[in-house]
C-alpha atoms as a PDB file:
ATOM      1  CA  UNK A   1      20.782 224.377-164.458  1.00  0.00           C
ATOM      2  CA  UNK A   2      22.446 224.363-161.435  1.00  0.00           C
ATOM      3  CA  UNK A   3      20.737 222.407-158.143  1.00  0.00           C
ATOM      4  CA  UNK A   4      20.712 225.421-155.962  1.00  0.00           C
ATOM      5  CA  UNK A   5      18.522 228.636-155.641  1.00  0.00           C
ATOM      6  CA  UNK A   6      20.923 231.144-156.106  1.00  0.00           C
ATOM      7  CA  UNK A   7      19.940 234.784-155.170  1.00  0.00           C
ATOM      8  CA  UNK A   8      22.218 237.615-155.734  1.00  0.00           C
ATOM      9  CA  UNK A   9      22.164 239.308-152.442  1.00  0.00           C
ATOM     10  CA  UNK A  10      23.443 242.878-153.588  1.00  0.00           C
ATOM     11  CA  UNK A  11      23.643 244.850-157.011  1.00  0.00           C
ATOM     12  CA  UNK A  12      22.242 248.574-157.534  1.00  0.00           C
ATOM     13  CA  UNK A  13      20.429 247.366-161.183  1.00  0.00           C
ATOM     14  CA  UNK A  14      17.873 250.567-161.082  1.00  0.00           C
ATOM     15  CA  UNK A  15      20.967 252.817-161.393  1.00  0.00           C
ATOM     16  CA  UNK A  16      20.149 255.133-164.463  1.00  0.00           C
ATOM     17  CA  UNK A  17      23.121 253.716-166.484  1.00  0.00           C
ATOM     18  CA  UNK A  18      22.234 250.524-166.361  1.00  0.00           C
ATOM     19  CA  UNK A  19      18.445 250.900-167.863  1.00  0.00           C
ATOM     20  CA  UNK A  20      19.268 250.132-171.089  1.00  0.00           C
ATOM     21  CA  UNK A  21      21.026 246.809-169.765  1.00  0.00           C
ATOM     22  CA  UNK A  22      18.454 245.137-168.038  1.00  0.00           C
ATOM     23  CA  UNK A  23      16.979 243.117-170.376  1.00  0.00           C
ATOM     24  CA  UNK A  24      20.595 241.040-170.625  1.00  0.00           C
ATOM     25  CA  UNK A  25      20.587 240.979-166.801  1.00  0.00           C
ATOM     26  CA  UNK A  26      17.368 239.407-166.648  1.00  0.00           C
ATOM     27  CA  UNK A  27      18.436 236.905-169.521  1.00  0.00           C
ATOM     28  CA  UNK A  28      22.018 236.463-167.564  1.00  0.00           C
ATOM     29  CA  UNK A  29      20.344 235.828-164.248  1.00  0.00           C
ATOM     30  CA  UNK A  30      17.621 232.797-165.555  1.00  0.00           C
ATOM     31  CA  UNK A  31      20.936 231.295-168.029  1.00  0.00           C
ATOM     32  CA  UNK A  32      23.125 231.274-164.558  1.00  0.00           C
ATOM     33  CA  UNK A  33      20.123 229.777-162.218  1.00  0.00           C
ATOM     34  CA  UNK A  34      19.758 232.511-160.491  1.00  0.00           C
ATOM     35  CA  UNK A  35      16.156 233.580-159.548  1.00  0.00           C
ATOM     36  CA  UNK A  36      15.973 236.852-158.073  1.00  0.00           C
ATOM     37  CA  UNK A  37      18.461 239.746-157.241  1.00  0.00           C
ATOM     38  CA  UNK A  38      18.229 241.938-154.477  1.00  0.00           C
ATOM     39  CA  UNK A  39      17.874 245.549-155.644  1.00  0.00           C
ATOM     40  CA  UNK A  40      18.989 247.964-152.738  1.00  0.00           C
ATOM     41  CA  UNK A  41      18.176 251.822-153.058  1.00  0.00           C
ATOM     42  CA  UNK A  42      20.855 253.951-151.200  1.00  0.00           C
ATOM     43  CA  UNK A  43      18.547 257.265-150.748  1.00  0.00           C
ATOM     44  CA  UNK A  44      15.457 258.134-151.129  1.00  0.00           C
ATOM     45  CA  UNK A  45      15.479 259.421-154.487  1.00  0.00           C
ATOM     46  CA  UNK A  46      16.447 255.499-154.919  1.00  0.00           C
ATOM     47  CA  UNK A  47      13.717 254.741-154.029  1.00  0.00           C
ATOM     48  CA  UNK A  48      10.945 255.293-156.759  1.00  0.00           C
ATOM     49  CA  UNK A  49      12.823 253.176-159.435  1.00  0.00           C
ATOM     50  CA  UNK A  50      13.821 250.719-157.364  1.00  0.00           C
ATOM     51  CA  UNK A  51      10.015 249.806-156.710  1.00  0.00           C
ATOM     52  CA  UNK A  52       9.419 250.246-160.062  1.00  0.00           C
ATOM     53  CA  UNK A  53      12.129 247.310-161.042  1.00  0.00           C
ATOM     54  CA  UNK A  54      10.747 245.440-158.644  1.00  0.00           C
ATOM     55  CA  UNK A  55       7.113 245.861-160.066  1.00  0.00           C
ATOM     56  CA  UNK A  56       8.418 244.969-163.848  1.00  0.00           C
ATOM     57  CA  UNK A  57      10.771 241.894-163.378  1.00  0.00           C
ATOM     58  CA  UNK A  58       9.810 239.215-160.611  1.00  0.00           C
ATOM     59  CA  UNK A  59      13.604 239.149-160.073  1.00  0.00           C
ATOM     60  CA  UNK A  60      13.799 242.312-158.543  1.00  0.00           C
ATOM     61  CA  UNK A  61      13.686 242.272-155.086  1.00  0.00           C
ATOM     62  CA  UNK A  62      13.581 245.481-153.733  1.00  0.00           C
ATOM     63  CA  UNK A  63      15.190 247.101-150.930  1.00  0.00           C
ATOM     64  CA  UNK A  64      14.881 250.485-149.610  1.00  0.00           C
ATOM     65  CA  UNK A  65      17.867 251.427-147.296  1.00  0.00           C
ATOM     66  CA  UNK A  66      19.245 255.031-146.226  1.00  0.00           C
ATOM     67  CA  UNK A  67      23.092 255.498-146.707  1.00  0.00           C
ATOM     68  CA  UNK A  68      25.378 257.159-144.104  1.00  0.00           C
ATOM     69  CA  UNK A  69      27.282 259.336-146.387  1.00  0.00           C
ATOM     70  CA  UNK A  70      24.023 260.058-148.628  1.00  0.00           C
ATOM     71  CA  UNK A  71      21.615 260.487-146.103  1.00  0.00           C
ATOM     72  CA  UNK A  72      20.744 263.693-143.733  1.00  0.00           C
ATOM     73  CA  UNK A  73      17.092 263.083-142.719  1.00  0.00           C
ATOM     74  CA  UNK A  74      14.124 261.005-143.646  1.00  0.00           C
ATOM     75  CA  UNK A  75      11.628 262.777-145.684  1.00  0.00           C
ATOM     76  CA  UNK A  76       8.271 261.993-144.409  1.00  0.00           C
ATOM     77  CA  UNK A  77       6.103 261.813-147.576  1.00  0.00           C
ATOM     78  CA  UNK A  78       7.802 258.251-147.810  1.00  0.00           C
ATOM     79  CA  UNK A  79       6.658 256.840-144.688  1.00  0.00           C
ATOM     80  CA  UNK A  80       3.416 254.999-146.495  1.00  0.00           C
ATOM     81  CA  UNK A  81       5.959 252.732-148.330  1.00  0.00           C
END
């Protein structure tokens, strides 16, 4: 095992096309000694899936953001997150 505590600082594991690969991703992270992965949501539509992934996988650290090209205005319904 790698003596360093490694974290994948940027990924989009919440993307739907990766859903079927999450078990393999989790196994690969563990095998490589990566204890966490920051899962980046780039628009409000991503946020529920990012949060769900984090609830179901201890390695998933959620980050909810807005990417300029994907956002126009923050929906006030998400202010309680």
